[in-house]
């Protein structure tokens, strides 16, 4: 039973990141690159929760990440 819970939580973790990544992308005009924008303030917790995935995602896809909107 423990393994099933672990797999279920892992699937939710990955799916949550995938949905967030797909809905929070922005192309920055200055460099033409796509960025996943993490909200500043209370939403900053998402950045830390998904940080391990952002390392892998960035290495595999070249995606970039930013906290708060570009100025």
N, C-alpha and C. Protein backbone atom coordinates (compact mmCIF):
# COMPACT_ATOMS: atom_id res chain seq x y z
N UNK A 1 0.82 -1.20 0.00
CA UNK A 1 0.00 0.00 0.00
C UNK A 1 0.87 1.26 0.00
N UNK A 2 2.00 1.26 0.65
CA UNK A 2 2.87 2.41 0.69
C UNK A 2 3.39 2.79 -0.68
N UNK A 3 3.72 1.79 -1.48
CA UNK A 3 4.23 2.06 -2.83
C UNK A 3 3.16 2.71 -3.71
N UNK A 4 1.92 2.29 -3.54
CA UNK A 4 0.83 2.88 -4.33
C UNK A 4 0.65 4.35 -4.00
N UNK A 5 0.75 4.71 -2.72
CA UNK A 5 0.63 6.10 -2.32
C UNK A 5 1.78 6.92 -2.86
N UNK A 6 2.96 6.35 -2.81
CA UNK A 6 4.14 7.04 -3.33
C UNK A 6 3.97 7.32 -4.82
N UNK A 7 3.54 6.33 -5.57
CA UNK A 7 3.34 6.49 -7.01
C UNK A 7 2.25 7.51 -7.29
N UNK A 8 1.16 7.47 -6.52
CA UNK A 8 0.06 8.42 -6.71
C UNK A 8 0.54 9.86 -6.44
N UNK A 9 1.30 10.06 -5.36
CA UNK A 9 1.80 11.40 -5.04
C UNK A 9 2.79 11.86 -6.10
N UNK A 10 3.64 10.96 -6.58
CA UNK A 10 4.60 11.29 -7.62
C UNK A 10 3.90 11.71 -8.91
N UNK A 11 2.85 10.99 -9.27
CA UNK A 11 2.09 11.33 -10.47
C UNK A 11 1.44 12.70 -10.32
N UNK A 12 0.86 12.99 -9.17
CA UNK A 12 0.25 14.30 -8.93
C UNK A 12 1.30 15.42 -8.96
N UNK A 13 2.46 15.16 -8.41
CA UNK A 13 3.57 16.13 -8.41
C UNK A 13 4.00 16.45 -9.83
N UNK A 14 4.22 15.43 -10.64
CA UNK A 14 4.64 15.63 -12.03
C UNK A 14 3.54 16.27 -12.86
N UNK A 15 2.30 15.83 -12.68
CA UNK A 15 1.19 16.40 -13.44
C UNK A 15 0.96 17.86 -13.07
N UNK A 16 1.07 18.18 -11.79
CA UNK A 16 0.91 19.57 -11.35
C UNK A 16 1.97 20.46 -11.98
N UNK A 17 3.19 19.99 -12.02
CA UNK A 17 4.26 20.75 -12.65
C UNK A 17 3.99 20.92 -14.14
N UNK A 18 3.57 19.84 -14.78
CA UNK A 18 3.30 19.90 -16.22
C UNK A 18 2.22 20.91 -16.57
N UNK A 19 1.15 20.93 -15.81
CA UNK A 19 0.07 21.89 -16.04
C UNK A 19 0.56 23.31 -15.78
N UNK A 20 1.27 23.50 -14.67
CA UNK A 20 1.80 24.83 -14.35
C UNK A 20 2.73 25.31 -15.45
N UNK A 21 3.63 24.45 -15.89
CA UNK A 21 4.60 24.81 -16.93
C UNK A 21 3.89 25.19 -18.23
N UNK A 22 2.85 24.45 -18.58
CA UNK A 22 2.13 24.70 -19.83
C UNK A 22 1.33 26.00 -19.79
N UNK A 23 0.90 26.41 -18.61
CA UNK A 23 0.03 27.58 -18.52
C UNK A 23 0.75 28.85 -18.08
N UNK A 24 2.01 28.76 -17.67
CA UNK A 24 2.71 29.94 -17.14
C UNK A 24 3.93 30.32 -17.96
N UNK A 25 3.90 30.07 -19.25
CA UNK A 25 5.03 30.42 -20.10
C UNK A 25 4.87 31.82 -20.68
N UNK A 26 6.01 32.47 -20.83
CA UNK A 26 6.03 33.81 -21.41
C UNK A 26 7.30 33.92 -22.26
N UNK A 27 7.18 34.53 -23.41
CA UNK A 27 8.36 34.80 -24.24
C UNK A 27 8.82 36.21 -23.91
N UNK A 28 10.04 36.33 -23.46
CA UNK A 28 10.59 37.63 -23.11
C UNK A 28 11.10 38.31 -24.36
N UNK A 29 10.65 39.51 -24.60
CA UNK A 29 10.98 40.24 -25.82
C UNK A 29 12.48 40.52 -25.97
N UNK A 30 13.19 40.74 -24.87
CA UNK A 30 14.59 41.12 -24.95
C UNK A 30 15.49 40.02 -25.49
N UNK A 31 15.16 38.75 -25.19
CA UNK A 31 16.02 37.68 -25.67
C UNK A 31 15.29 36.63 -26.52
N UNK A 32 13.98 36.76 -26.66
CA UNK A 32 13.21 35.85 -27.49
C UNK A 32 13.09 34.45 -26.92
N UNK A 33 13.48 34.24 -25.67
CA UNK A 33 13.43 32.93 -25.03
C UNK A 33 12.12 32.75 -24.26
N UNK A 34 11.67 31.50 -24.18
CA UNK A 34 10.50 31.17 -23.37
C UNK A 34 10.93 30.97 -21.92
N UNK A 35 10.12 31.48 -21.03
CA UNK A 35 10.36 31.35 -19.59
C UNK A 35 9.10 30.83 -18.93
N UNK A 36 9.26 30.01 -17.92
CA UNK A 36 8.16 29.67 -17.03
C UNK A 36 8.23 30.70 -15.91
N UNK A 37 7.13 31.41 -15.69
CA UNK A 37 7.10 32.49 -14.71
C UNK A 37 6.46 31.98 -13.43
N UNK A 38 7.25 31.99 -12.36
CA UNK A 38 6.73 31.64 -11.04
C UNK A 38 6.27 32.91 -10.37
N UNK A 39 5.09 32.91 -9.75
CA UNK A 39 4.60 34.13 -9.11
C UNK A 39 5.46 34.52 -7.91
N UNK A 40 5.65 35.81 -7.73
CA UNK A 40 6.38 36.27 -6.55
C UNK A 40 5.41 36.27 -5.37
N UNK A 41 5.92 36.49 -4.20
CA UNK A 41 5.08 36.50 -3.00
C UNK A 41 4.78 35.09 -2.53
N UNK A 42 3.53 34.85 -2.18
CA UNK A 42 3.13 33.56 -1.62
C UNK A 42 3.33 32.42 -2.61
N UNK A 43 3.25 32.69 -3.90
CA UNK A 43 3.44 31.67 -4.92
C UNK A 43 4.88 31.21 -5.06
N UNK A 44 5.78 31.89 -4.36
CA UNK A 44 7.20 31.52 -4.41
C UNK A 44 7.43 30.10 -3.90
N UNK A 45 6.54 29.61 -3.07
CA UNK A 45 6.66 28.24 -2.56
C UNK A 45 6.66 27.23 -3.71
N UNK A 46 5.91 27.51 -4.76
CA UNK A 46 5.88 26.61 -5.92
C UNK A 46 7.26 26.48 -6.54
N UNK A 47 7.98 27.57 -6.57
CA UNK A 47 9.33 27.56 -7.12
C UNK A 47 10.20 26.55 -6.38
N UNK A 48 10.12 26.57 -5.07
CA UNK A 48 10.94 25.68 -4.27
C UNK A 48 10.43 24.24 -4.30
N UNK A 49 9.13 24.06 -4.37
CA UNK A 49 8.56 22.70 -4.44
C UNK A 49 8.97 22.03 -5.73
N UNK A 50 8.93 22.76 -6.83
CA UNK A 50 9.24 22.17 -8.14
C UNK A 50 10.68 22.41 -8.58
N UNK A 51 11.53 22.94 -7.72
CA UNK A 51 12.89 23.25 -8.11
C UNK A 51 13.65 22.05 -8.69
N UNK A 52 13.55 20.86 -8.10
CA UNK A 52 14.26 19.72 -8.71
C UNK A 52 13.81 19.45 -10.15
N UNK A 53 12.54 19.64 -10.43
CA UNK A 53 12.05 19.42 -11.79
C UNK A 53 12.52 20.51 -12.74
N UNK A 54 12.66 21.73 -12.23
CA UNK A 54 13.11 22.80 -13.12
C UNK A 54 14.55 22.58 -13.57
N UNK A 55 15.38 22.01 -12.70
CA UNK A 55 16.75 21.70 -13.11
C UNK A 55 16.74 20.69 -14.25
N UNK A 56 15.98 19.62 -14.08
CA UNK A 56 15.91 18.59 -15.12
C UNK A 56 15.27 19.14 -16.39
N UNK A 57 14.20 19.89 -16.24
CA UNK A 57 13.50 20.47 -17.38
C UNK A 57 14.42 21.41 -18.16
N UNK A 58 15.13 22.25 -17.45
CA UNK A 58 16.04 23.18 -18.11
C UNK A 58 17.16 22.47 -18.85
N UNK A 59 17.69 21.42 -18.24
CA UNK A 59 18.77 20.67 -18.88
C UNK A 59 18.29 19.91 -20.11
N UNK A 60 17.08 19.36 -20.05
CA UNK A 60 16.56 18.56 -21.16
C UNK A 60 15.95 19.39 -22.28
N UNK A 61 15.30 20.49 -21.94
CA UNK A 61 14.54 21.23 -22.95
C UNK A 61 15.09 22.63 -23.22
N UNK A 62 15.97 23.11 -22.36
CA UNK A 62 16.47 24.47 -22.51
C UNK A 62 15.51 25.54 -21.99
N UNK A 63 14.44 25.12 -21.35
CA UNK A 63 13.46 26.06 -20.78
C UNK A 63 14.16 26.89 -19.71
N UNK A 64 13.74 28.13 -19.60
CA UNK A 64 14.27 29.03 -18.59
C UNK A 64 13.16 29.36 -17.59
N UNK A 65 13.56 29.84 -16.43
CA UNK A 65 12.62 30.07 -15.34
C UNK A 65 12.89 31.43 -14.72
N UNK A 66 11.82 32.05 -14.22
CA UNK A 66 11.94 33.39 -13.64
C UNK A 66 10.90 33.53 -12.56
N UNK A 67 11.29 34.21 -11.48
CA UNK A 67 10.34 34.50 -10.40
C UNK A 67 9.83 35.90 -10.62
N UNK A 68 8.52 36.04 -10.75
CA UNK A 68 7.91 37.34 -11.00
C UNK A 68 8.01 37.71 -12.47
N UNK A 69 7.25 38.70 -12.88
CA UNK A 69 7.24 39.12 -14.26
C UNK A 69 8.53 39.82 -14.62
N UNK A 70 8.91 39.70 -15.88
CA UNK A 70 10.10 40.41 -16.36
C UNK A 70 9.81 41.91 -16.34
N UNK A 71 10.80 42.66 -16.01
CA UNK A 71 10.65 44.13 -15.94
C UNK A 71 11.09 44.74 -17.24
